[in-house]
Amino acid sequence: MVTSDVRIGPDGVARCAWVGDDAEYLRYHDEEWGRPLHGDRALFEKMALEGFQAGLSWITILRKRPRFREVFDAFDPATVAAYGDEDIERLMGDAGIIRNRSKIEATISNAALVLEMADGELDAFMWSFAPPSWPRPGSFADVPAVTEESVAMSKALRKRGFRFVGPTTMYALMQSAGMVDDHVAGCWRAQPREHDS
């Protein structure tokens, strides 16, 4: 089924229409978005980048991600948590990333909070909010911006001291990390599920 929410790409493959024809977006959609992502470092990176994305388009972050990874030492929590004032100024002077002091400082303080957790604890904690099932969206209109689970995750993270983890940002993380699968019906990545009607 091909609808206005599904677009046939230049390669003849049906995808969620938000992808368009951008090569990096095509790769991200096909290889990353909605696939289960695990690991404390990987989820810390995802949390940081989703925080930087707030108010911007994801393609902007995606194009800057290699530079983010370079200047944030591959988002190694121990390294980032040790950043000081000189590092903040270094990052504020780097045109290859989003130069937002509050978001940079939040990434550093969030890294310190990750270090306080046991190995694997961030992964288990975040995945504990993944719903056991959810309906396959038939269109973009069926895709929420916030869910009960993303609100709960946001509150729990904020209670631990994490910043830039609002409910909308956390739902975007849940989508990109595969905690939910919002590929619309008709997209080649929309795998049938038992509860799909």
N, C-alpha and C. Protein backbone atom coordinates (compact mmCIF):
# COMPACT_ATOMS: atom_id res chain seq x y z
N MET A 1 0.85 -1.18 0.00
CA MET A 1 0.00 0.00 0.00
C MET A 1 0.89 1.24 0.00
N VAL A 2 0.71 2.11 -0.99
CA VAL A 2 1.47 3.35 -1.06
C VAL A 2 0.50 4.51 -0.87
N THR A 3 0.78 5.36 0.11
CA THR A 3 -0.07 6.51 0.41
C THR A 3 0.77 7.78 0.32
N SER A 4 0.17 8.91 0.62
CA SER A 4 0.92 10.17 0.60
C SER A 4 1.97 10.21 1.71
N ASP A 5 1.85 9.30 2.67
CA ASP A 5 2.82 9.24 3.76
C ASP A 5 3.98 8.30 3.45
N VAL A 6 3.91 7.70 2.27
CA VAL A 6 4.98 6.82 1.79
C VAL A 6 5.44 7.36 0.44
N ARG A 7 6.74 7.37 0.24
CA ARG A 7 7.29 7.92 -1.00
C ARG A 7 8.20 6.90 -1.64
N ILE A 8 8.09 6.76 -2.96
CA ILE A 8 8.98 5.88 -3.69
C ILE A 8 10.28 6.63 -3.93
N GLY A 9 11.37 6.08 -3.44
CA GLY A 9 12.66 6.75 -3.56
C GLY A 9 13.27 6.61 -4.93
N PRO A 10 14.42 7.25 -5.16
CA PRO A 10 15.09 7.16 -6.46
C PRO A 10 15.52 5.74 -6.81
N ASP A 11 15.59 4.88 -5.80
CA ASP A 11 15.95 3.48 -6.03
C ASP A 11 14.73 2.58 -6.20
N GLY A 12 13.52 3.20 -6.23
CA GLY A 12 12.30 2.42 -6.42
C GLY A 12 11.75 1.79 -5.16
N VAL A 13 12.32 2.13 -3.98
CA VAL A 13 11.90 1.55 -2.70
C VAL A 13 10.92 2.49 -2.00
N ALA A 14 9.85 1.91 -1.44
CA ALA A 14 8.85 2.70 -0.71
C ALA A 14 9.34 2.96 0.71
N ARG A 15 9.38 4.23 1.09
CA ARG A 15 9.84 4.62 2.43
C ARG A 15 8.90 5.66 3.02
N CYS A 16 9.02 5.86 4.33
CA CYS A 16 8.31 6.96 4.99
C CYS A 16 8.64 8.25 4.23
N ALA A 17 7.62 9.03 3.90
CA ALA A 17 7.80 10.18 3.02
C ALA A 17 8.71 11.26 3.60
N TRP A 18 8.88 11.30 4.94
CA TRP A 18 9.73 12.34 5.53
C TRP A 18 11.19 12.24 5.08
N VAL A 19 11.57 11.09 4.54
CA VAL A 19 12.96 10.87 4.14
C VAL A 19 13.34 11.74 2.93
N GLY A 20 12.42 11.91 1.99
CA GLY A 20 12.76 12.64 0.77
C GLY A 20 13.80 11.90 -0.04
N ASP A 21 14.69 12.65 -0.70
CA ASP A 21 15.72 12.05 -1.55
C ASP A 21 17.14 12.24 -1.02
N ASP A 22 17.27 12.83 0.18
CA ASP A 22 18.60 13.07 0.73
C ASP A 22 19.30 11.74 1.02
N ALA A 23 20.50 11.57 0.46
CA ALA A 23 21.21 10.29 0.58
C ALA A 23 21.46 9.89 2.04
N GLU A 24 21.84 10.85 2.88
CA GLU A 24 22.11 10.53 4.28
C GLU A 24 20.83 10.17 5.02
N TYR A 25 19.75 10.87 4.70
CA TYR A 25 18.46 10.53 5.31
C TYR A 25 18.00 9.14 4.88
N LEU A 26 18.20 8.81 3.60
CA LEU A 26 17.84 7.48 3.10
C LEU A 26 18.59 6.41 3.88
N ARG A 27 19.90 6.60 4.05
CA ARG A 27 20.70 5.62 4.78
C ARG A 27 20.26 5.53 6.24
N TYR A 28 20.03 6.69 6.86
CA TYR A 28 19.61 6.71 8.27
C TYR A 28 18.27 5.98 8.44
N HIS A 29 17.32 6.28 7.58
CA HIS A 29 16.01 5.63 7.64
C HIS A 29 16.14 4.12 7.48
N ASP A 30 16.92 3.69 6.51
CA ASP A 30 17.02 2.27 6.20
C ASP A 30 17.85 1.49 7.21
N GLU A 31 18.89 2.11 7.77
CA GLU A 31 19.84 1.37 8.59
C GLU A 31 19.75 1.64 10.09
N GLU A 32 19.18 2.79 10.48
CA GLU A 32 19.20 3.14 11.90
C GLU A 32 17.82 3.38 12.52
N TRP A 33 17.04 4.26 11.92
CA TRP A 33 15.81 4.72 12.57
C TRP A 33 14.84 3.56 12.82
N GLY A 34 14.50 3.37 14.09
CA GLY A 34 13.57 2.30 14.44
C GLY A 34 14.21 0.96 14.72
N ARG A 35 15.51 0.85 14.55
CA ARG A 35 16.20 -0.41 14.88
C ARG A 35 16.66 -0.35 16.33
N PRO A 36 16.47 -1.43 17.08
CA PRO A 36 16.85 -1.44 18.49
C PRO A 36 18.32 -1.08 18.70
N LEU A 37 18.54 -0.09 19.55
CA LEU A 37 19.88 0.39 19.87
C LEU A 37 20.13 0.14 21.35
N HIS A 38 21.24 -0.52 21.65
CA HIS A 38 21.58 -0.81 23.04
C HIS A 38 23.00 -0.34 23.35
N GLY A 39 23.28 -0.21 24.63
CA GLY A 39 24.61 0.19 25.10
C GLY A 39 24.55 1.57 25.74
N ASP A 40 25.17 1.69 26.89
CA ASP A 40 25.16 2.96 27.61
C ASP A 40 25.74 4.11 26.80
N ARG A 41 26.90 3.87 26.17
CA ARG A 41 27.52 4.93 25.39
C ARG A 41 26.65 5.33 24.21
N ALA A 42 26.12 4.35 23.50
CA ALA A 42 25.29 4.63 22.33
C ALA A 42 24.03 5.40 22.72
N LEU A 43 23.42 5.03 23.83
CA LEU A 43 22.21 5.72 24.26
C LEU A 43 22.53 7.09 24.84
N PHE A 44 23.69 7.24 25.47
CA PHE A 44 24.11 8.57 25.92
C PHE A 44 24.30 9.49 24.72
N GLU A 45 24.95 8.98 23.68
CA GLU A 45 25.11 9.78 22.45
C GLU A 45 23.75 10.16 21.88
N LYS A 46 22.85 9.20 21.83
CA LYS A 46 21.51 9.47 21.28
C LYS A 46 20.80 10.54 22.12
N MET A 47 20.91 10.44 23.43
CA MET A 47 20.30 11.43 24.32
C MET A 47 20.89 12.81 24.06
N ALA A 48 22.21 12.87 23.94
CA ALA A 48 22.87 14.16 23.71
C ALA A 48 22.45 14.77 22.38
N LEU A 49 22.47 13.97 21.32
CA LEU A 49 22.14 14.51 20.00
C LEU A 49 20.67 14.89 19.89
N GLU A 50 19.79 14.11 20.52
CA GLU A 50 18.37 14.49 20.51
C GLU A 50 18.19 15.80 21.27
N GLY A 51 18.96 16.01 22.33
CA GLY A 51 18.91 17.27 23.06
C GLY A 51 19.38 18.44 22.22
N PHE A 52 20.46 18.23 21.46
CA PHE A 52 20.94 19.28 20.57
C PHE A 52 19.94 19.55 19.45
N GLN A 53 19.17 18.53 19.07
CA GLN A 53 18.22 18.68 17.96
C GLN A 53 17.03 19.56 18.33
N ALA A 54 16.69 19.65 19.60
CA ALA A 54 15.50 20.40 20.02
C ALA A 54 15.44 21.76 19.34
N GLY A 55 14.37 21.99 18.60
CA GLY A 55 14.18 23.25 17.89
C GLY A 55 14.78 23.27 16.50
N LEU A 56 15.44 22.19 16.11
CA LEU A 56 16.08 22.10 14.79
C LEU A 56 15.59 20.86 14.06
N SER A 57 15.97 20.72 12.81
CA SER A 57 15.61 19.51 12.06
C SER A 57 16.65 18.42 12.34
N TRP A 58 16.21 17.17 12.30
CA TRP A 58 17.13 16.06 12.59
C TRP A 58 18.21 15.96 11.52
N ILE A 59 17.89 16.31 10.27
CA ILE A 59 18.92 16.22 9.22
C ILE A 59 20.09 17.14 9.53
N THR A 60 19.83 18.26 10.19
CA THR A 60 20.91 19.16 10.58
C THR A 60 21.87 18.44 11.53
N ILE A 61 21.31 17.74 12.51
CA ILE A 61 22.13 17.00 13.47
C ILE A 61 22.84 15.84 12.78
N LEU A 62 22.13 15.16 11.92
CA LEU A 62 22.70 14.00 11.24
C LEU A 62 23.92 14.40 10.41
N ARG A 63 23.83 15.52 9.74
CA ARG A 63 24.96 15.99 8.94
C ARG A 63 26.13 16.44 9.80
N LYS A 64 25.83 16.90 11.01
CA LYS A 64 26.88 17.35 11.91
C LYS A 64 27.37 16.24 12.84
N ARG A 65 26.71 15.08 12.81
CA ARG A 65 27.05 14.01 13.76
C ARG A 65 28.52 13.58 13.72
N PRO A 66 29.14 13.44 12.55
CA PRO A 66 30.56 13.06 12.58
C PRO A 66 31.42 14.05 13.36
N ARG A 67 31.14 15.35 13.20
CA ARG A 67 31.90 16.35 13.93
C ARG A 67 31.57 16.31 15.42
N PHE A 68 30.29 16.13 15.75
CA PHE A 68 29.91 15.97 17.15
C PHE A 68 30.71 14.83 17.78
N ARG A 69 30.77 13.71 17.10
CA ARG A 69 31.48 12.54 17.64
C ARG A 69 32.97 12.83 17.82
N GLU A 70 33.51 13.61 16.89
CA GLU A 70 34.93 13.94 16.97
C GLU A 70 35.21 14.84 18.16
N VAL A 71 34.47 15.92 18.30
CA VAL A 71 34.78 16.90 19.35
C VAL A 71 34.29 16.49 20.73
N PHE A 72 33.34 15.52 20.79
CA PHE A 72 32.88 15.00 22.08
C PHE A 72 33.50 13.64 22.38
N ASP A 73 34.67 13.38 21.80
CA ASP A 73 35.41 12.14 22.10
C ASP A 73 34.53 10.90 22.00
N ALA A 74 33.80 10.78 20.87
CA ALA A 74 32.93 9.64 20.60
C ALA A 74 31.88 9.44 21.70
N PHE A 75 31.56 10.52 22.40
CA PHE A 75 30.56 10.50 23.47
C PHE A 75 30.88 9.46 24.54
N ASP A 76 32.16 9.31 24.82
CA ASP A 76 32.56 8.45 25.94
C ASP A 76 32.19 9.18 27.23
N PRO A 77 31.27 8.64 28.02
CA PRO A 77 30.80 9.37 29.21
C PRO A 77 31.91 9.79 30.17
N ALA A 78 32.89 8.93 30.39
CA ALA A 78 33.97 9.27 31.33
C ALA A 78 34.77 10.46 30.84
N THR A 79 35.05 10.50 29.54
CA THR A 79 35.82 11.60 28.97
C THR A 79 35.02 12.90 28.99
N VAL A 80 33.76 12.82 28.56
CA VAL A 80 32.91 14.02 28.49
C VAL A 80 32.65 14.58 29.89
N ALA A 81 32.45 13.70 30.86
CA ALA A 81 32.17 14.15 32.23
C ALA A 81 33.33 14.95 32.81
N ALA A 82 34.54 14.72 32.30
CA ALA A 82 35.72 15.41 32.81
C ALA A 82 35.98 16.75 32.11
N TYR A 83 35.14 17.12 31.16
CA TYR A 83 35.32 18.40 30.47
C TYR A 83 35.21 19.56 31.45
N GLY A 84 36.06 20.57 31.23
CA GLY A 84 36.03 21.77 32.05
C GLY A 84 35.70 23.00 31.22
N ASP A 85 35.98 24.15 31.78
CA ASP A 85 35.66 25.42 31.12
C ASP A 85 36.35 25.56 29.76
N GLU A 86 37.60 25.10 29.67
CA GLU A 86 38.33 25.20 28.40
C GLU A 86 37.65 24.37 27.32
N ASP A 87 37.14 23.22 27.69
CA ASP A 87 36.44 22.37 26.73
C ASP A 87 35.14 23.03 26.27
N ILE A 88 34.44 23.65 27.21
CA ILE A 88 33.19 24.33 26.86
C ILE A 88 33.48 25.44 25.86
N GLU A 89 34.54 26.21 26.09
CA GLU A 89 34.90 27.29 25.16
C GLU A 89 35.35 26.72 23.82
N ARG A 90 36.07 25.59 23.85
CA ARG A 90 36.49 24.93 22.61
C ARG A 90 35.27 24.52 21.79
N LEU A 91 34.28 23.95 22.46
CA LEU A 91 33.07 23.51 21.77
C LEU A 91 32.25 24.70 21.29
N MET A 92 32.19 25.75 22.08
CA MET A 92 31.45 26.95 21.68
C MET A 92 32.08 27.61 20.44
N GLY A 93 33.35 27.36 20.22
CA GLY A 93 34.03 27.95 19.07
C GLY A 93 34.05 27.07 17.84
N ASP A 94 33.41 25.90 17.92
CA ASP A 94 33.44 24.94 16.81
C ASP A 94 32.18 25.09 15.94
N ALA A 95 32.36 25.62 14.74
CA ALA A 95 31.22 25.84 13.83
C ALA A 95 30.65 24.55 13.28
N GLY A 96 31.33 23.44 13.52
CA GLY A 96 30.86 22.16 12.98
C GLY A 96 29.76 21.51 13.81
N ILE A 97 29.46 22.09 14.98
CA ILE A 97 28.40 21.54 15.83
C ILE A 97 27.37 22.64 16.11
N ILE A 98 26.38 22.31 16.93
CA ILE A 98 25.42 23.31 17.38
C ILE A 98 26.02 23.98 18.61
N ARG A 99 26.30 25.27 18.50
CA ARG A 99 27.00 25.98 19.57
C ARG A 99 25.98 26.60 20.54
N ASN A 100 25.46 25.75 21.38
CA ASN A 100 24.49 26.18 22.38
C ASN A 100 25.08 25.84 23.75
N ARG A 101 25.44 26.86 24.50
CA ARG A 101 26.13 26.64 25.78
C ARG A 101 25.32 25.77 26.74
N SER A 102 24.02 26.02 26.83
CA SER A 102 23.18 25.24 27.75
C SER A 102 23.18 23.76 27.38
N LYS A 103 23.12 23.48 26.08
CA LYS A 103 23.10 22.08 25.63
C LYS A 103 24.45 21.41 25.81
N ILE A 104 25.52 22.18 25.59
CA ILE A 104 26.87 21.64 25.81
C ILE A 104 27.06 21.32 27.29
N GLU A 105 26.69 22.25 28.15
CA GLU A 105 26.83 22.03 29.60
C GLU A 105 25.95 20.88 30.07
N ALA A 106 24.76 20.75 29.49
CA ALA A 106 23.87 19.64 29.85
C ALA A 106 24.48 18.31 29.44
N THR A 107 25.12 18.26 28.28
CA THR A 107 25.75 17.02 27.83
C THR A 107 26.85 16.60 28.79
N ILE A 108 27.61 17.56 29.28
CA ILE A 108 28.69 17.26 30.23
C ILE A 108 28.11 16.78 31.56
N SER A 109 27.11 17.48 32.07
CA SER A 109 26.52 17.06 33.36
C SER A 109 25.78 15.73 33.21
N ASN A 110 25.16 15.51 32.07
CA ASN A 110 24.49 14.22 31.84
C ASN A 110 25.50 13.08 31.80
N ALA A 111 26.67 13.34 31.22
CA ALA A 111 27.72 12.31 31.19
C ALA A 111 28.13 11.92 32.60
N ALA A 112 28.23 12.90 33.48
CA ALA A 112 28.59 12.61 34.87
C ALA A 112 27.53 11.75 35.55
N LEU A 113 26.26 11.99 35.20
CA LEU A 113 25.18 11.17 35.77
C LEU A 113 25.22 9.74 35.25
N VAL A 114 25.59 9.59 33.98
CA VAL A 114 25.73 8.24 33.42
C VAL A 114 26.82 7.48 34.17
N LEU A 115 27.91 8.18 34.52
CA LEU A 115 29.02 7.55 35.24
C LEU A 115 28.60 7.07 36.62
N GLU A 116 27.61 7.70 37.21
CA GLU A 116 27.13 7.30 38.53
C GLU A 116 26.34 5.99 38.47
N MET A 117 25.95 5.59 37.28
CA MET A 117 25.15 4.38 37.11
C MET A 117 26.05 3.18 36.87
N ALA A 118 25.57 2.02 37.23
CA ALA A 118 26.33 0.79 36.99
C ALA A 118 26.38 0.51 35.50
N ASP A 119 27.37 -0.27 35.08
CA ASP A 119 27.50 -0.63 33.68
C ASP A 119 26.21 -1.30 33.19
N GLY A 120 25.66 -0.80 32.12
CA GLY A 120 24.43 -1.36 31.57
C GLY A 120 23.16 -0.79 32.19
N GLU A 121 23.30 0.02 33.23
CA GLU A 121 22.12 0.52 33.93
C GLU A 121 21.34 1.53 33.09
N LEU A 122 22.05 2.41 32.37
CA LEU A 122 21.34 3.38 31.54
C LEU A 122 20.53 2.67 30.47
N ASP A 123 21.13 1.68 29.84
CA ASP A 123 20.43 0.89 28.82
C ASP A 123 19.17 0.27 29.39
N ALA A 124 19.31 -0.45 30.49
CA ALA A 124 18.16 -1.12 31.09
C ALA A 124 17.10 -0.12 31.55
N PHE A 125 17.55 0.99 32.10
CA PHE A 125 16.64 2.02 32.60
C PHE A 125 15.82 2.61 31.46
N MET A 126 16.49 3.00 30.39
CA MET A 126 15.76 3.63 29.28
C MET A 126 14.84 2.63 28.58
N TRP A 127 15.31 1.43 28.38
CA TRP A 127 14.49 0.42 27.70
C TRP A 127 13.31 -0.03 28.56
N SER A 128 13.37 0.22 29.86
CA SER A 128 12.24 -0.17 30.72
C SER A 128 10.98 0.63 30.38
N PHE A 129 11.14 1.74 29.64
CA PHE A 129 9.99 2.56 29.26
C PHE A 129 9.44 2.21 27.88
N ALA A 130 10.07 1.28 27.19
CA ALA A 130 9.58 0.87 25.87
C ALA A 130 8.26 0.13 26.03
N PRO A 131 7.23 0.53 25.31
CA PRO A 131 5.95 -0.17 25.42
C PRO A 131 6.07 -1.58 24.87
N PRO A 132 5.33 -2.54 25.44
CA PRO A 132 5.40 -3.91 24.95
C PRO A 132 4.85 -4.06 23.53
N SER A 133 3.95 -3.17 23.15
CA SER A 133 3.39 -3.19 21.81
C SER A 133 2.79 -1.83 21.50
N TRP A 134 2.57 -1.56 20.25
CA TRP A 134 1.95 -0.30 19.82
C TRP A 134 1.42 -0.52 18.41
N PRO A 135 0.40 0.20 18.03
CA PRO A 135 -0.17 0.01 16.70
C PRO A 135 0.73 0.57 15.61
N ARG A 136 0.74 -0.11 14.48
CA ARG A 136 1.50 0.40 13.33
C ARG A 136 0.82 1.66 12.82
N PRO A 137 1.53 2.79 12.74
CA PRO A 137 0.88 4.00 12.22
C PRO A 137 0.55 3.84 10.73
N GLY A 138 -0.69 4.16 10.40
CA GLY A 138 -1.09 4.11 9.01
C GLY A 138 -0.67 5.35 8.26
N SER A 139 -0.49 6.44 9.00
CA SER A 139 -0.08 7.71 8.41
C SER A 139 0.67 8.51 9.45
N PHE A 140 1.26 9.64 9.01
CA PHE A 140 1.96 10.51 9.95
C PHE A 140 1.02 11.05 11.01
N ALA A 141 -0.26 11.19 10.65
CA ALA A 141 -1.24 11.71 11.60
C ALA A 141 -1.40 10.78 12.80
N ASP A 142 -1.03 9.51 12.61
CA ASP A 142 -1.14 8.52 13.69
C ASP A 142 0.09 8.49 14.59
N VAL A 143 1.12 9.22 14.22
CA VAL A 143 2.37 9.21 14.99
C VAL A 143 2.32 10.32 16.03
N PRO A 144 2.39 9.97 17.31
CA PRO A 144 2.32 11.00 18.36
C PRO A 144 3.64 11.75 18.51
N ALA A 145 3.57 12.91 19.11
CA ALA A 145 4.79 13.66 19.45
C ALA A 145 5.24 13.31 20.86
N VAL A 146 4.28 12.89 21.68
CA VAL A 146 4.53 12.55 23.09
C VAL A 146 3.64 11.36 23.42
N THR A 147 4.13 10.47 24.26
CA THR A 147 3.32 9.35 24.73
C THR A 147 3.41 9.25 26.25
N GLU A 148 2.57 8.44 26.81
CA GLU A 148 2.61 8.20 28.26
C GLU A 148 4.00 7.70 28.66
N GLU A 149 4.59 6.85 27.82
CA GLU A 149 5.91 6.29 28.12
C GLU A 149 7.01 7.34 28.04
N SER A 150 6.91 8.24 27.04
CA SER A 150 7.97 9.25 26.92
C SER A 150 7.87 10.28 28.05
N VAL A 151 6.64 10.54 28.51
CA VAL A 151 6.46 11.43 29.66
C VAL A 151 7.07 10.79 30.90
N ALA A 152 6.82 9.50 31.08
CA ALA A 152 7.36 8.79 32.24
C ALA A 152 8.88 8.74 32.20
N MET A 153 9.44 8.47 31.02
CA MET A 153 10.90 8.44 30.87
C MET A 153 11.49 9.81 31.19
N SER A 154 10.89 10.86 30.64
CA SER A 154 11.36 12.21 30.88
C SER A 154 11.36 12.54 32.37
N LYS A 155 10.26 12.24 33.05
CA LYS A 155 10.16 12.53 34.49
C LYS A 155 11.21 11.76 35.27
N ALA A 156 11.40 10.50 34.93
CA ALA A 156 12.37 9.67 35.65
C ALA A 156 13.80 10.16 35.43
N LEU A 157 14.12 10.57 34.21
CA LEU A 157 15.45 11.08 33.92
C LEU A 157 15.68 12.42 34.63
N ARG A 158 14.66 13.28 34.58
CA ARG A 158 14.79 14.58 35.27
C ARG A 158 14.96 14.39 36.77
N LYS A 159 14.28 13.41 37.31
CA LYS A 159 14.40 13.13 38.75
C LYS A 159 15.84 12.75 39.11
N ARG A 160 16.52 12.11 38.17
CA ARG A 160 17.92 11.74 38.38
C ARG A 160 18.87 12.90 38.09
N GLY A 161 18.33 14.02 37.56
CA GLY A 161 19.15 15.19 37.30
C GLY A 161 19.50 15.44 35.84
N PHE A 162 19.04 14.58 34.94
CA PHE A 162 19.34 14.76 33.52
C PHE A 162 18.62 15.99 32.98
N ARG A 163 19.25 16.64 31.99
CA ARG A 163 18.69 17.85 31.39
C ARG A 163 18.51 17.68 29.89
N PHE A 164 17.63 18.50 29.31
CA PHE A 164 17.27 18.43 27.89
C PHE A 164 16.73 17.04 27.54
N VAL A 165 15.84 16.56 28.40
CA VAL A 165 15.23 15.24 28.22
C VAL A 165 13.70 15.35 28.32
N GLY A 166 13.14 16.37 27.67
CA GLY A 166 11.70 16.57 27.71
C GLY A 166 10.95 15.43 27.04
N PRO A 167 9.64 15.33 27.26
CA PRO A 167 8.84 14.23 26.72
C PRO A 167 8.89 14.10 25.20
N THR A 168 8.89 15.23 24.49
CA THR A 168 8.95 15.17 23.02
C THR A 168 10.32 14.69 22.57
N THR A 169 11.37 15.21 23.21
CA THR A 169 12.73 14.78 22.89
C THR A 169 12.91 13.30 23.18
N MET A 170 12.34 12.83 24.29
CA MET A 170 12.46 11.42 24.64
C MET A 170 11.65 10.53 23.70
N TYR A 171 10.53 11.04 23.18
CA TYR A 171 9.81 10.21 22.22
C TYR A 171 10.60 10.10 20.92
N ALA A 172 11.25 11.18 20.51
CA ALA A 172 12.11 11.12 19.33
C ALA A 172 13.24 10.11 19.55
N LEU A 173 13.79 10.08 20.76
CA LEU A 173 14.82 9.10 21.08
C LEU A 173 14.24 7.69 21.01
N MET A 174 13.04 7.49 21.55
CA MET A 174 12.43 6.17 21.53
C MET A 174 12.22 5.69 20.09
N GLN A 175 11.86 6.61 19.20
CA GLN A 175 11.69 6.26 17.79
C GLN A 175 13.02 5.89 17.16
N SER A 176 14.01 6.74 17.35
CA SER A 176 15.29 6.52 16.67
C SER A 176 16.04 5.32 17.24
N ALA A 177 15.84 5.02 18.54
CA ALA A 177 16.54 3.89 19.17
C ALA A 177 15.74 2.59 19.08
N GLY A 178 14.61 2.61 18.38
CA GLY A 178 13.85 1.38 18.18
C GLY A 178 13.04 0.92 19.36
N MET A 179 12.85 1.79 20.35
CA MET A 179 11.98 1.43 21.48
C MET A 179 10.52 1.42 21.04
N VAL A 180 10.25 2.16 19.99
CA VAL A 180 8.98 2.08 19.27
C VAL A 180 9.34 2.03 17.79
N ASP A 181 8.43 1.56 16.97
CA ASP A 181 8.66 1.47 15.53
C ASP A 181 7.56 2.24 14.82
N ASP A 182 7.89 3.46 14.38
CA ASP A 182 6.89 4.31 13.75
C ASP A 182 7.04 4.41 12.23
N HIS A 183 7.65 3.39 11.62
CA HIS A 183 7.62 3.34 10.16
C HIS A 183 6.17 3.14 9.76
N VAL A 184 5.67 3.99 8.86
CA VAL A 184 4.25 3.94 8.50
C VAL A 184 3.95 2.74 7.60
N ALA A 185 2.71 2.31 7.63
CA ALA A 185 2.27 1.20 6.79
C ALA A 185 2.60 1.51 5.33
N GLY A 186 3.19 0.55 4.65
CA GLY A 186 3.57 0.73 3.26
C GLY A 186 5.05 0.96 3.08
N CYS A 187 5.74 1.41 4.15
CA CYS A 187 7.19 1.58 4.11
C CYS A 187 7.83 0.20 4.15
N TRP A 188 8.92 0.02 3.41
CA TRP A 188 9.55 -1.30 3.38
C TRP A 188 10.07 -1.73 4.75
N ARG A 189 10.34 -0.77 5.62
CA ARG A 189 10.81 -1.09 6.96
C ARG A 189 9.67 -1.42 7.92
N ALA A 190 8.44 -1.24 7.50
CA ALA A 190 7.28 -1.51 8.38
C ALA A 190 7.04 -3.02 8.39
N GLN A 191 7.71 -3.69 9.28
CA GLN A 191 7.58 -5.14 9.37
C GLN A 191 6.24 -5.51 10.02
N PRO A 192 5.59 -6.52 9.50
CA PRO A 192 4.32 -6.93 10.11
C PRO A 192 4.52 -7.35 11.56
N ARG A 193 3.55 -7.01 12.41
CA ARG A 193 3.58 -7.42 13.81
C ARG A 193 2.26 -8.13 14.11
N GLU A 194 2.29 -8.98 15.10
CA GLU A 194 1.10 -9.76 15.45
C GLU A 194 -0.12 -8.90 15.68
N HIS A 195 0.09 -7.70 16.28
CA HIS A 195 -1.06 -6.87 16.65
C HIS A 195 -1.42 -5.89 15.54
N ASP A 196 -0.70 -5.93 14.38
CA ASP A 196 -1.13 -5.08 13.26
C ASP A 196 -2.47 -5.60 12.74
N SER A 197 -3.34 -4.69 12.37
CA SER A 197 -4.63 -5.14 11.83
C SER A 197 -4.59 -5.12 10.32
